[in-house]
Amino acid sequence: MARDHLLVIDQGTTSTRVIVYDQRLRVAGQSQLEVLPRYPRPGWVEHDAEEIMRSVGSQTTGALIEAGVRADRIAGLGLTNQRETTIVWDRATGQPIGPALVWQDRRTAEICDRLRPEQGWVSKRTGLVIDPYFSATKIAWILDHVAGARGLAEQGSLAAGTVDSYLIWRLTDGRAHVTDQTNASRTLLMDLSTLAWDADLCDLFGVPRRILPAILPSRGEFGRTLGLDFLPDGLPILGVAGDQHASLAGQGCVQAGQAKCTYGTGAFLLVHTGARIVPSTRGLITTLAASVEEGPPQYALEGSVFVAGAAVQWFRDGLEAIASAPEIGALAESADPASEVVFVPALTGLGAPYWAPLARGAILGLTRATTLADLAKATLEGVAFQVADLIDAMSADLGSPLADFRVDGGMARSDPFLQLQADILGLPITRSPQSESTALGAALLAGLGGNLWTDAASALALVAENGPRFEPRTSAAGRAAALDRWRKAVASVIEYARA
């Protein structure tokens, strides 16, 4: 029987989704399960890595059943994952030695503050800033806070990695301890030029080199399934990329100057810079782009908003203001157009371009006339304003405005939100017809890794379609006044955190 389908595991911050694609990159079947983080203390965000692995098994079975596809028709597996989230596990048993520390986790903020004098050379080597967001201080924290862990790590008894590494280890019954270049570029431990773990960085952050995985290109074989009760032995894992890098490929942004923003739990704006490493002077980070063709490494500039869809979840669950997330759009449309309420959704600190890990959320401009609809609009605007800050920074770093801006992800399904975003940016926005370009990008990489198509151009033609376009409708003066209110509010939040 022909092996003409791809199975993609999309393990995100709040859910695990498994999708079966046919050879034309059309969805044949899918299954999704909510897998929520825990918040044991303010600023701490954790996952149960075992729960993540169990969800992969159950959703793989569900996706194959919905697709009506037997596993012997799977040409290969793709994997995309929440980035920076860090797991340390026992090599002998495969069991985590503690919780997975999620990318949003802020517990290592003081460690990062102590290391801040090293920022210059660390940024030059990694493209990143020293921040709890990234994996290095998370690994060190686990080794220092789980009894005996550092000694076991020095002996080589432990393995560490991001979610992709842990899942590949489990999928291959411990035969493969690997990661891809995009995930490795998010650890603060990889040299962006050599694409190798850097001894100086490992020493600085206190991470033993021997516990880290081998770094591989995003397309190609990472290992083969073994010992699973939900997939047969021998299926190759052929494409791996961090979620935002996968989304960049899934949006067809594979050439310099093409940009996309994915609105998930957070919002992540990336612009492809080709084979050129572009250092940022505006608070962005430089990272790897997943290479869809053989050749020199490909790079991107990125801005990360920590709270996007998570702000809507807070509005729904924390305030209990709505019963379901989609309701916020219609509620926001009924807000008073003259309302000047501003919500800074720094619920887990502020990411780029501010990098203020101790900042906390705030609502400013309340009056007796403020309604729930005004708060709904301010919540959506709080996400849109952060993306506007990123685009301003990106245009400054590149020396020219963005010419192409595409969006996907859960919040991008909302027409009211995308209209707000276009109004705040003063730029047109194109929504991807595939609302989940992350999984699509992983499928693209896996198919290329398994030579499912004759060449990369044939594969990219399958993801080239565009969706609806949203044009800005507000005046330049109205946009400038709104941005001015936003930036004053952000400045107040940061100042309060420093006090």
Protein backbone atom coordinates (compact mmCIF):
# COMPACT_ATOMS: atom_id res chain seq x y z
CA MET A 1 0.00 0.00 0.00
CA ALA A 2 1.28 3.48 -0.90
CA ARG A 3 2.75 5.57 1.91
CA ASP A 4 1.10 8.81 0.85
CA HIS A 5 0.06 10.49 4.10
CA LEU A 6 1.86 12.48 6.78
CA LEU A 7 1.09 12.51 10.50
CA VAL A 8 1.92 15.72 12.38
CA ILE A 9 2.13 16.12 16.14
CA ASP A 10 1.51 19.75 17.12
CA GLN A 11 2.24 20.01 20.83
CA GLY A 12 1.35 23.49 22.07
CA THR A 13 1.12 25.34 25.35
CA THR A 14 -2.55 24.61 25.95
CA SER A 15 -3.28 21.59 23.75
CA THR A 16 -1.93 18.68 21.76
CA ARG A 17 -3.23 18.35 18.23
CA VAL A 18 -2.47 15.53 15.81
CA ILE A 19 -3.31 16.00 12.12
CA VAL A 20 -3.15 13.55 9.23
CA TYR A 21 -2.41 15.20 5.86
CA ASP A 22 -2.65 13.72 2.41
CA GLN A 23 -0.02 14.22 -0.27
CA ARG A 24 -1.66 17.51 -1.32
CA LEU A 25 -1.30 18.80 2.26
CA ARG A 26 -5.05 18.61 2.79
CA VAL A 27 -6.31 17.65 6.24
CA ALA A 28 -7.61 14.08 6.19
CA GLY A 29 -8.33 13.84 9.90
CA GLN A 30 -7.37 15.41 13.21
CA SER A 31 -7.83 15.14 16.94
CA GLN A 32 -7.10 17.65 19.70
CA LEU A 33 -6.97 17.56 23.48
CA GLU A 34 -6.60 20.47 25.91
CA VAL A 35 -3.40 20.10 27.97
CA LEU A 36 -3.25 23.05 30.32
CA PRO A 37 -0.27 24.36 32.27
CA ARG A 38 -0.29 24.66 36.06
CA TYR A 39 0.49 27.83 38.01
CA PRO A 40 1.82 26.71 41.41
CA ARG A 41 3.09 30.18 42.37
CA PRO A 42 2.89 33.67 40.87
CA GLY A 43 5.18 33.72 37.85
CA TRP A 44 5.63 29.92 37.80
CA VAL A 45 4.19 27.99 34.84
CA GLU A 46 4.60 24.22 34.57
CA HIS A 47 3.50 21.27 32.48
CA ASP A 48 3.34 17.58 33.36
CA ALA A 49 5.57 16.05 30.67
CA GLU A 50 3.99 12.63 31.16
CA GLU A 51 0.57 14.15 30.51
CA ILE A 52 1.94 15.64 27.29
CA MET A 53 3.20 12.24 26.15
CA ARG A 54 -0.09 10.54 26.97
CA SER A 55 -1.95 13.18 24.98
CA VAL A 56 0.24 12.48 21.95
CA GLY A 57 -0.75 8.82 22.05
CA SER A 58 -4.48 9.37 22.45
CA GLN A 59 -4.68 12.10 19.82
CA THR A 60 -2.63 10.11 17.30
CA THR A 61 -5.14 7.29 17.58
CA GLY A 62 -8.03 9.73 17.26
CA ALA A 63 -6.59 11.46 14.18
CA LEU A 64 -5.95 8.18 12.35
CA ILE A 65 -9.49 7.00 13.12
CA GLU A 66 -11.05 10.25 11.89
CA ALA A 67 -8.91 10.15 8.73
CA GLY A 68 -9.76 6.51 8.07
CA VAL A 69 -6.07 5.98 7.35
CA ARG A 70 -4.09 2.96 8.51
CA ALA A 71 -0.66 3.61 9.98
CA ASP A 72 0.96 1.67 7.13
CA ARG A 73 -0.01 4.55 4.81
CA ILE A 74 2.01 7.09 6.84
CA ALA A 75 5.14 8.13 4.96
CA GLY A 76 6.55 9.94 7.95
CA LEU A 77 5.93 12.02 11.04
CA GLY A 78 6.26 15.75 11.49
CA LEU A 79 6.64 17.37 14.89
CA THR A 80 6.18 20.97 15.98
CA ASN A 81 6.19 22.16 19.55
CA GLN A 82 5.91 24.95 22.08
CA ARG A 83 9.42 26.36 22.19
CA GLU A 84 11.75 26.96 25.17
CA THR A 85 9.64 24.76 27.46
CA THR A 86 12.24 22.61 29.18
CA ILE A 87 12.30 19.03 30.45
CA VAL A 88 15.03 17.04 32.23
CA TRP A 89 14.59 13.27 32.35
CA ASP A 90 16.30 10.05 33.43
CA ARG A 91 18.06 8.32 30.54
CA ALA A 92 17.41 4.85 31.96
CA THR A 93 13.66 5.22 32.50
CA GLY A 94 12.66 8.13 30.26
CA GLN A 95 10.81 9.64 33.23
CA PRO A 96 11.02 13.39 33.91
CA ILE A 97 12.78 14.27 37.16
CA GLY A 98 10.41 17.20 37.71
CA PRO A 99 7.84 19.35 35.95
CA ALA A 100 8.41 20.83 32.53
CA LEU A 101 9.15 24.55 32.94
CA VAL A 102 7.02 26.38 30.38
CA TRP A 103 8.36 29.20 28.21
CA GLN A 104 6.15 31.64 30.16
CA ASP A 105 7.76 30.66 33.48
CA ARG A 106 9.48 33.57 35.26
CA ARG A 107 11.11 31.81 38.22
CA THR A 108 14.64 32.39 36.93
CA ALA A 109 14.27 36.19 36.64
CA GLU A 110 16.79 36.83 39.44
CA ILE A 111 19.32 34.50 37.82
CA CYS A 112 18.95 36.42 34.57
CA ASP A 113 19.39 39.73 36.39
CA ARG A 114 22.70 38.52 37.85
CA LEU A 115 23.91 37.49 34.40
CA ARG A 116 22.85 40.76 32.72
CA PRO A 117 26.46 42.12 32.52
CA GLU A 118 27.19 39.31 30.05
CA GLN A 119 24.41 40.42 27.70
CA GLY A 120 26.67 41.87 25.00
CA TRP A 121 28.62 38.79 24.01
CA VAL A 122 25.71 36.45 24.69
CA SER A 123 23.48 38.38 22.27
CA LYS A 124 26.20 38.48 19.64
CA ARG A 125 26.65 34.72 19.85
CA THR A 126 23.04 33.60 20.23
CA GLY A 127 20.88 36.40 18.81
CA LEU A 128 18.88 36.32 22.05
CA VAL A 129 18.55 38.32 25.24
CA ILE A 130 19.20 36.92 28.72
CA ASP A 131 15.66 36.28 29.88
CA PRO A 132 13.72 33.57 31.75
CA TYR A 133 11.82 32.96 28.51
CA PHE A 134 14.68 30.90 27.10
CA SER A 135 15.75 27.40 28.13
CA ALA A 136 19.24 27.72 29.61
CA THR A 137 18.32 29.07 33.05
CA LYS A 138 15.38 26.65 33.22
CA ILE A 139 17.71 23.66 32.79
CA ALA A 140 20.08 25.02 35.43
CA TRP A 141 17.20 25.67 37.84
CA ILE A 142 15.97 22.08 37.58
CA LEU A 143 19.46 20.70 38.13
CA ASP A 144 19.90 22.90 41.19
CA HIS A 145 16.47 22.31 42.76
CA VAL A 146 15.90 18.59 42.29
CA ALA A 147 17.90 16.64 44.88
CA GLY A 148 20.98 15.02 43.36
CA ALA A 149 20.16 16.14 39.82
CA ARG A 150 23.33 18.09 39.11
CA GLY A 151 25.53 15.18 40.13
CA LEU A 152 23.51 12.80 37.96
CA ALA A 153 23.79 15.24 35.06
CA GLU A 154 27.57 15.43 35.41
CA GLN A 155 27.67 11.61 35.35
CA GLY A 156 25.65 11.50 32.14
CA SER A 157 22.60 9.84 33.71
CA LEU A 158 20.20 12.61 32.74
CA ALA A 159 19.07 14.09 29.44
CA ALA A 160 17.67 17.55 28.86
CA GLY A 161 15.86 19.24 26.04
CA THR A 162 12.84 21.08 24.80
CA VAL A 163 9.50 19.38 24.16
CA ASP A 164 10.57 18.14 20.73
CA SER A 165 13.61 16.35 22.20
CA TYR A 166 11.58 14.70 24.93
CA LEU A 167 8.86 13.51 22.55
CA ILE A 168 11.38 12.14 20.04
CA TRP A 169 13.12 10.28 22.89
CA ARG A 170 9.82 8.71 23.90
CA LEU A 171 8.69 8.02 20.34
CA THR A 172 11.96 6.20 19.59
CA ASP A 173 12.18 4.37 22.95
CA GLY A 174 15.27 6.35 23.92
CA ARG A 175 17.21 5.61 20.73
CA ALA A 176 17.36 9.27 19.62
CA HIS A 177 18.34 12.27 21.74
CA VAL A 178 18.08 15.01 19.13
CA THR A 179 16.63 18.44 18.46
CA ASP A 180 16.38 20.60 15.38
CA GLN A 181 18.21 23.84 14.69
CA THR A 182 15.20 26.08 15.28
CA ASN A 183 14.49 24.70 18.76
CA ALA A 184 18.20 24.74 19.61
CA SER A 185 18.34 28.41 18.64
CA ARG A 186 15.92 29.19 21.50
CA THR A 187 18.02 27.84 24.35
CA LEU A 188 20.72 30.54 24.83
CA LEU A 189 23.22 27.71 24.41
CA MET A 190 23.68 27.47 20.63
CA ASP A 191 26.04 29.63 18.56
CA LEU A 192 23.89 31.14 15.81
CA SER A 193 26.75 31.06 13.31
CA THR A 194 28.15 27.57 13.89
CA LEU A 195 24.78 25.94 14.78
CA ALA A 196 26.55 24.04 17.57
CA TRP A 197 26.36 24.04 21.37
CA ASP A 198 28.80 26.60 22.69
CA ALA A 199 31.13 25.68 25.57
CA ASP A 200 31.32 29.25 26.91
CA LEU A 201 27.54 29.54 27.01
CA CYS A 202 27.15 26.16 28.71
CA ASP A 203 29.67 27.25 31.35
CA LEU A 204 27.98 30.62 31.87
CA PHE A 205 24.55 29.10 32.45
CA GLY A 206 25.76 26.02 34.31
CA VAL A 207 24.46 23.44 31.84
CA PRO A 208 26.60 20.31 31.30
CA ARG A 209 27.11 19.83 27.56
CA ARG A 210 26.66 16.05 27.80
CA ILE A 211 22.97 16.28 28.74
CA LEU A 212 22.06 18.23 25.58
CA PRO A 213 20.72 16.61 22.38
CA ALA A 214 22.41 16.46 18.98
CA ILE A 215 21.38 19.32 16.68
CA LEU A 216 19.96 18.40 13.25
CA PRO A 217 18.51 20.34 10.30
CA SER A 218 14.72 20.74 10.41
CA ARG A 219 14.14 18.36 7.49
CA GLY A 220 15.58 14.86 7.41
CA GLU A 221 15.40 11.79 9.62
CA PHE A 222 15.39 12.27 13.40
CA GLY A 223 14.72 8.65 14.35
CA ARG A 224 12.10 5.92 13.95
CA THR A 225 9.18 4.94 16.13
CA LEU A 226 9.77 2.02 18.47
CA GLY A 227 7.90 0.35 21.30
CA LEU A 228 4.68 2.40 21.10
CA ASP A 229 1.16 1.11 21.58
CA PHE A 230 -0.36 3.69 19.21
CA LEU A 231 2.02 3.53 16.21
CA PRO A 232 3.93 0.64 14.60
CA ASP A 233 7.71 0.40 14.81
CA GLY A 234 9.80 1.93 12.06
CA LEU A 235 7.89 5.07 11.06
CA PRO A 236 10.45 7.82 10.37
CA ILE A 237 10.29 11.24 12.04
CA LEU A 238 11.19 13.45 9.07
CA GLY A 239 10.48 17.08 9.95
CA VAL A 240 10.84 18.98 13.22
CA ALA A 241 10.62 22.70 13.99
CA GLY A 242 9.60 24.97 16.82
CA ASP A 243 6.02 26.14 16.40
CA GLN A 244 6.74 29.63 15.11
CA HIS A 245 9.41 28.49 12.66
CA ALA A 246 7.02 25.82 11.39
CA SER A 247 4.32 28.47 10.99
CA LEU A 248 6.70 30.68 8.99
CA ALA A 249 7.21 27.81 6.55
CA GLY A 250 3.51 26.88 6.60
CA GLN A 251 2.61 30.44 5.62
CA GLY A 252 4.97 30.12 2.65
CA CYS A 253 7.31 32.75 4.08
CA VAL A 254 10.59 31.26 2.87
CA GLN A 255 12.21 34.30 1.27
CA ALA A 256 13.80 37.41 2.76
CA GLY A 257 11.25 40.12 3.60
CA GLN A 258 8.23 37.85 4.05
CA ALA A 259 6.62 38.13 7.49
CA LYS A 260 3.90 36.39 9.48
CA CYS A 261 2.31 36.63 12.91
CA THR A 262 0.77 33.66 14.70
CA TYR A 263 -1.77 34.46 17.41
CA GLY A 264 -1.81 31.55 19.81
CA THR A 265 -1.33 31.60 23.58
CA GLY A 266 1.20 34.31 22.76
CA ALA A 267 1.72 36.22 19.51
CA PHE A 268 4.87 35.71 17.49
CA LEU A 269 5.95 37.89 14.62
CA LEU A 270 8.74 36.64 12.37
CA VAL A 271 10.27 38.10 9.24
CA HIS A 272 12.49 35.94 7.06
CA THR A 273 15.97 37.43 6.44
CA GLY A 274 17.37 34.75 4.12
CA ALA A 275 20.95 33.66 4.74
CA ARG A 276 21.71 36.96 6.54
CA ILE A 277 21.97 37.21 10.32
CA VAL A 278 20.38 40.57 11.20
CA PRO A 279 21.25 41.77 14.71
CA SER A 280 18.52 43.78 16.38
CA THR A 281 19.03 47.16 18.02
CA ARG A 282 15.32 47.47 18.91
CA GLY A 283 14.73 44.64 21.37
CA LEU A 284 13.97 41.87 18.89
CA ILE A 285 15.80 38.57 18.66
CA THR A 286 17.61 36.84 15.82
CA THR A 287 16.72 33.21 15.28
CA LEU A 288 16.85 30.35 12.78
CA ALA A 289 14.26 29.86 10.09
CA ALA A 290 13.45 26.28 9.14
CA SER A 291 15.22 25.57 5.84
CA VAL A 292 12.92 24.00 3.28
CA GLU A 293 15.78 23.49 0.81
CA GLU A 294 19.37 22.36 1.14
CA GLY A 295 21.88 25.17 1.31
CA PRO A 296 23.14 27.73 3.83
CA PRO A 297 21.25 28.24 7.09
CA GLN A 298 18.25 30.57 6.91
CA TYR A 299 17.51 33.19 9.54
CA ALA A 300 14.71 35.40 10.83
CA LEU A 301 14.03 38.35 13.12
CA GLU A 302 11.41 37.68 15.76
CA GLY A 303 9.32 39.57 18.25
CA SER A 304 7.52 37.63 20.97
CA VAL A 305 4.35 38.70 22.79
CA PHE A 306 3.88 36.46 25.81
CA VAL A 307 0.12 36.96 26.23
CA ALA A 308 -2.26 37.03 23.25
CA GLY A 309 -4.90 34.30 23.23
CA ALA A 310 -4.06 33.90 26.92
CA ALA A 311 -5.55 37.38 27.49
CA VAL A 312 -8.84 36.22 25.99
CA GLN A 313 -8.68 33.08 28.15
CA TRP A 314 -8.20 35.31 31.20
CA PHE A 315 -11.14 37.47 30.17
CA ARG A 316 -13.23 34.31 29.80
CA ASP A 317 -12.05 32.27 32.79
CA GLY A 318 -10.52 34.78 35.19
CA LEU A 319 -13.20 37.42 34.93
CA GLU A 320 -15.89 34.94 33.86
CA ALA A 321 -17.05 37.69 31.51
CA ILE A 322 -17.95 35.43 28.58
CA ALA A 323 -18.81 31.77 28.15
CA SER A 324 -16.58 31.11 25.13
CA ALA A 325 -13.59 32.88 23.60
CA PRO A 326 -15.25 33.81 20.25
CA GLU A 327 -17.85 35.90 22.13
CA ILE A 328 -15.28 38.58 22.89
CA GLY A 329 -15.28 39.87 19.30
CA ALA A 330 -18.96 40.74 19.16
CA LEU A 331 -18.80 42.21 22.68
CA ALA A 332 -15.84 44.41 21.71
CA GLU A 333 -17.70 45.69 18.64
CA SER A 334 -20.41 47.07 20.95
CA ALA A 335 -17.90 49.14 22.96
CA ASP A 336 -18.05 52.93 23.11
CA PRO A 337 -15.82 54.18 20.23
CA ALA A 338 -14.72 57.06 22.48
CA SER A 339 -13.54 54.79 25.31
CA GLU A 340 -9.89 55.31 26.20
CA VAL A 341 -9.49 52.27 28.45
CA VAL A 342 -6.10 50.59 27.95
CA PHE A 343 -5.26 47.06 29.07
CA VAL A 344 -1.58 46.09 29.25
CA PRO A 345 -1.76 42.27 29.28
CA ALA A 346 1.58 41.69 31.03
CA LEU A 347 0.16 38.66 32.84
CA THR A 348 3.50 36.84 32.59
CA GLY A 349 5.78 39.82 32.05
CA LEU A 350 6.45 41.73 28.84
CA GLY A 351 8.45 40.25 25.98
CA ALA A 352 9.89 42.09 22.98
CA PRO A 353 10.72 44.86 22.58
CA TYR A 354 10.55 45.69 26.32
CA TRP A 355 11.88 42.52 28.01
CA ALA A 356 10.41 43.31 31.42
CA PRO A 357 9.90 39.89 33.07
CA LEU A 358 8.59 41.34 36.35
CA ALA A 359 5.97 43.58 34.73
CA ARG A 360 2.37 42.72 35.56
CA GLY A 361 -0.91 43.45 33.83
CA ALA A 362 -2.81 46.68 34.36
CA ILE A 363 -6.03 48.36 33.22
CA LEU A 364 -5.87 52.15 32.93
CA GLY A 365 -8.41 54.82 32.06
CA LEU A 366 -11.43 53.41 33.90
CA THR A 367 -14.39 55.74 34.50
CA ARG A 368 -17.93 55.34 35.82
CA ALA A 369 -19.01 54.96 32.21
CA THR A 370 -16.69 51.98 31.50
CA THR A 371 -18.56 48.83 30.49
CA LEU A 372 -17.69 45.18 30.02
CA ALA A 373 -17.71 45.83 26.27
CA ASP A 374 -15.03 48.51 26.73
CA LEU A 375 -12.90 46.00 28.66
CA ALA A 376 -13.40 43.43 25.91
CA LYS A 377 -12.19 45.89 23.29
CA ALA A 378 -9.23 46.91 25.47
CA THR A 379 -8.27 43.23 25.85
CA LEU A 380 -8.13 42.72 22.09
CA GLU A 381 -6.38 46.06 21.58
CA GLY A 382 -3.80 45.11 24.22
CA VAL A 383 -2.69 42.26 21.97
CA ALA A 384 -2.85 44.35 18.79
CA PHE A 385 -0.81 47.20 20.32
CA GLN A 386 1.97 44.81 21.29
CA VAL A 387 2.17 43.52 17.72
CA ALA A 388 2.30 47.13 16.48
CA ASP A 389 5.33 47.71 18.74
CA LEU A 390 7.00 44.67 17.21
CA ILE A 391 6.37 45.81 13.64
CA ASP A 392 7.80 49.25 14.38
CA ALA A 393 10.93 47.64 15.84
CA MET A 394 11.22 45.21 12.95
CA SER A 395 10.92 47.92 10.31
CA ALA A 396 13.64 49.92 12.08
CA ASP A 397 16.00 46.93 12.24
CA LEU A 398 15.43 46.08 8.57
CA GLY A 399 15.66 49.70 7.43
CA SER A 400 12.38 49.48 5.54
CA PRO A 401 8.71 48.84 6.31
CA LEU A 402 7.25 45.36 6.01
CA ALA A 403 5.73 44.78 2.60
CA ASP A 404 3.99 41.47 3.28
CA PHE A 405 2.14 40.59 6.49
CA ARG A 406 0.25 37.31 6.95
CA VAL A 407 -1.50 36.00 10.05
CA ASP A 408 -2.77 32.73 11.45
CA GLY A 409 -3.65 31.11 14.77
CA GLY A 410 -6.71 31.02 16.99
CA MET A 411 -7.25 34.78 17.41
CA ALA A 412 -6.78 35.28 13.66
CA ARG A 413 -10.09 33.49 13.10
CA SER A 414 -11.85 36.56 14.54
CA ASP A 415 -12.77 39.20 11.95
CA PRO A 416 -13.34 41.89 14.63
CA PHE A 417 -9.88 41.30 16.07
CA LEU A 418 -8.11 41.40 12.71
CA GLN A 419 -9.94 44.62 11.82
CA LEU A 420 -8.72 46.14 15.12
CA GLN A 421 -5.21 44.93 14.30
CA ALA A 422 -5.27 46.44 10.81
CA ASP A 423 -6.60 49.74 12.21
CA ILE A 424 -3.86 49.93 14.85
CA LEU A 425 -1.11 49.02 12.39
CA GLY A 426 -2.31 51.13 9.50
CA LEU A 427 -1.37 48.15 7.33
CA PRO A 428 -3.40 45.58 5.40
CA ILE A 429 -3.41 42.05 6.82
CA THR A 430 -3.85 38.78 4.95
CA ARG A 431 -5.27 35.83 6.87
CA SER A 432 -3.98 32.41 5.97
CA PRO A 433 -6.70 30.06 4.67
CA GLN A 434 -5.10 27.49 6.97
CA SER A 435 -5.83 28.76 10.48
CA GLU A 436 -3.19 26.39 11.88
CA SER A 437 -0.12 27.01 9.73
CA THR A 438 2.11 25.59 12.47
CA ALA A 439 1.10 21.99 11.80
CA LEU A 440 1.05 22.65 8.06
CA GLY A 441 4.67 23.79 8.19
CA ALA A 442 5.70 20.63 10.03
CA ALA A 443 3.90 18.56 7.39
CA LEU A 444 5.74 20.48 4.67
CA LEU A 445 9.11 19.78 6.32
CA ALA A 446 8.30 16.10 6.89
CA GLY A 447 7.18 15.61 3.30
CA LEU A 448 10.34 17.29 2.02
CA GLY A 449 12.42 15.19 4.41
CA GLY A 450 10.82 12.05 2.99
CA ASN A 451 11.01 13.19 -0.67
CA LEU A 452 7.22 13.03 -0.98
CA TRP A 453 7.43 15.66 -3.74
CA THR A 454 9.87 16.11 -6.59
CA ASP A 455 11.19 19.45 -5.31
CA ALA A 456 10.58 22.20 -2.77
CA ALA A 457 8.81 24.42 -5.31
CA SER A 458 6.16 21.76 -5.87
CA ALA A 459 5.56 21.53 -2.13
CA LEU A 460 5.46 25.30 -1.58
CA ALA A 461 2.86 25.67 -4.30
CA LEU A 462 0.52 23.67 -2.04
CA VAL A 463 0.67 26.34 0.71
CA ALA A 464 0.68 29.44 -1.51
CA GLU A 465 -3.04 30.28 -1.30
CA ASN A 466 -4.09 33.46 0.52
CA GLY A 467 -7.23 34.11 2.55
CA PRO A 468 -9.25 37.32 3.17
CA ARG A 469 -7.56 40.70 3.47
CA PHE A 470 -8.30 43.34 6.12
CA GLU A 471 -7.68 47.00 5.25
CA PRO A 472 -7.17 49.73 7.88
CA ARG A 473 -10.14 52.03 8.37
CA THR A 474 -9.01 54.54 11.02
CA SER A 475 -7.30 57.87 10.42
CA ALA A 476 -3.59 58.39 10.98
CA ALA A 477 -4.39 60.88 13.77
CA GLY A 478 -6.68 58.43 15.58
CA ARG A 479 -4.09 55.69 15.29
CA ALA A 480 -1.33 57.93 16.62
CA ALA A 481 -3.43 59.00 19.62
CA ALA A 482 -4.27 55.40 20.49
CA LEU A 483 -0.61 54.33 20.25
CA ASP A 484 0.40 57.26 22.45
CA ARG A 485 -2.06 56.13 25.17
CA TRP A 486 -0.75 52.59 24.87
CA ARG A 487 2.91 53.53 25.22
CA LYS A 488 2.23 55.73 28.24
CA ALA A 489 0.42 52.80 29.84
CA VAL A 490 3.32 50.42 29.12
CA ALA A 491 5.81 52.91 30.56
CA SER A 492 3.70 53.10 33.74
CA VAL A 493 3.59 49.32 34.07
CA ILE A 494 7.35 48.98 33.66
CA GLU A 495 8.04 51.78 36.12
CA TYR A 496 5.71 50.19 38.68
CA ALA A 497 7.56 46.85 38.31
CA ARG A 498 10.88 48.57 38.98
CA ALA A 499 9.69 50.44 42.06
